[in-house]
Amino acid sequence: MTHDRAAENDQLYRYEITAALNAVVRACRDIVAEHSHRGFWTPRTSTAQTTHQELIEAARRDVLRRLQVAIRAAETVAQAIEHDHQRRPNRPSE
């Protein structure tokens, strides 16, 4: 692989991981905007008459699943980049 090609791949890796992590940050921002008040999670239902199971379900729906999806996607991108980088031969510049 030529030096230019290696540098090009490295730049593509940086773009991909940056985009994946930006998606995680956006998911966090969206969750905060939609489901918090002054930095604290506020479920859509009244907590006064809500069972613990309903709160767990709301937490999963509002926060946990959304973050898990974004984090898994970012981790998948990172693993794919690592795998791709490892399978490329390390040839001296041509």
Protein backbone atom coordinates (compact mmCIF):
# COMPACT_ATOMS: atom_id res chain seq x y z
CA MET A 1 0.00 0.00 0.00
CA THR A 2 1.40 3.39 -0.86
CA HIS A 3 1.87 6.09 1.72
CA ASP A 4 -0.86 8.18 0.07
CA ARG A 5 -3.29 5.26 0.22
CA ALA A 6 -2.46 4.59 3.89
CA ALA A 7 -2.95 8.26 4.75
CA GLU A 8 -6.23 8.23 2.83
CA ASN A 9 -7.44 5.18 4.77
CA ASP A 10 -6.41 6.75 8.07
CA GLN A 11 -8.40 9.86 7.20
CA LEU A 12 -11.44 7.74 6.29
CA TYR A 13 -11.12 5.90 9.62
CA ARG A 14 -11.06 9.23 11.45
CA TYR A 15 -14.17 10.42 9.60
CA GLU A 16 -16.04 7.19 10.36
CA ILE A 17 -15.26 7.09 14.07
CA THR A 18 -15.95 10.81 14.43
CA ALA A 19 -19.34 10.41 12.75
CA ALA A 20 -20.19 7.42 14.95
CA LEU A 21 -19.27 9.28 18.14
CA ASN A 22 -21.13 12.37 17.00
CA ALA A 23 -24.22 10.16 16.72
CA VAL A 24 -23.73 9.08 20.35
CA VAL A 25 -23.35 12.70 21.47
CA ARG A 26 -26.45 13.71 19.50
CA ALA A 27 -28.43 10.87 21.07
CA CYS A 28 -27.36 12.11 24.51
CA ARG A 29 -28.29 15.67 23.63
CA ASP A 30 -31.68 14.63 22.27
CA ILE A 31 -32.43 12.53 25.35
CA VAL A 32 -31.50 15.43 27.62
CA ALA A 33 -33.66 17.82 25.58
CA GLU A 34 -36.65 15.48 25.52
CA HIS A 35 -36.49 13.79 28.91
CA SER A 36 -34.80 15.96 31.48
CA HIS A 37 -35.42 18.97 33.63
CA ARG A 38 -32.39 20.81 35.01
CA GLY A 39 -30.16 17.85 34.29
CA PHE A 40 -32.38 15.21 35.88
CA TRP A 41 -34.37 12.54 34.06
CA THR A 42 -38.07 13.21 34.03
CA PRO A 43 -40.26 10.37 32.77
CA ARG A 44 -43.33 11.29 30.78
CA THR A 45 -45.57 9.80 33.45
CA SER A 46 -46.19 11.14 36.92
CA THR A 47 -43.77 9.48 39.33
CA ALA A 48 -46.14 9.91 42.27
CA GLN A 49 -48.48 7.14 41.11
CA THR A 50 -46.04 5.18 38.98
CA THR A 51 -44.89 1.70 39.94
CA HIS A 52 -41.22 0.82 39.92
CA GLN A 53 -41.85 -1.43 36.90
CA GLU A 54 -43.41 1.45 34.97
CA LEU A 55 -40.41 3.62 35.82
CA ILE A 56 -38.04 0.90 34.61
CA GLU A 57 -39.97 0.60 31.36
CA ALA A 58 -39.93 4.39 30.91
CA ALA A 59 -36.19 4.50 31.60
CA ARG A 60 -35.56 1.82 29.01
CA ARG A 61 -37.81 3.49 26.46
CA ASP A 62 -36.67 7.08 27.03
CA VAL A 63 -32.97 6.65 27.70
CA LEU A 64 -31.35 3.26 27.92
CA ARG A 65 -32.36 1.67 24.60
CA ARG A 66 -31.62 4.82 22.65
CA LEU A 67 -28.15 5.10 24.16
CA GLN A 68 -27.47 1.40 23.72
CA VAL A 69 -28.29 1.58 20.02
CA ALA A 70 -26.01 4.58 19.49
CA ILE A 71 -23.19 3.05 21.53
CA ARG A 72 -23.46 -0.33 19.80
CA ALA A 73 -23.34 1.36 16.42
CA ALA A 74 -20.22 3.32 17.41
CA GLU A 75 -18.59 0.17 18.79
CA THR A 76 -19.41 -1.69 15.57
CA VAL A 77 -17.74 1.07 13.55
CA ALA A 78 -14.67 0.95 15.81
CA GLN A 79 -14.42 -2.84 15.51
CA ALA A 80 -14.83 -2.71 11.73
CA ILE A 81 -12.05 -0.12 11.49
CA GLU A 82 -9.77 -2.21 13.71
CA HIS A 83 -10.49 -5.33 11.66
CA ASP A 84 -9.93 -3.52 8.37
CA HIS A 85 -6.69 -2.00 9.61
CA GLN A 86 -5.38 -5.37 10.83
CA ARG A 87 -6.06 -7.17 7.56
CA ARG A 88 -4.28 -4.57 5.43
CA PRO A 89 -0.71 -5.51 4.66
CA ASN A 90 1.95 -3.22 6.10
CA ARG A 91 4.04 -2.78 3.00
CA PRO A 92 6.72 -0.15 2.69
CA SER A 93 5.89 2.84 0.51
CA GLU A 94 6.05 2.07 -3.18
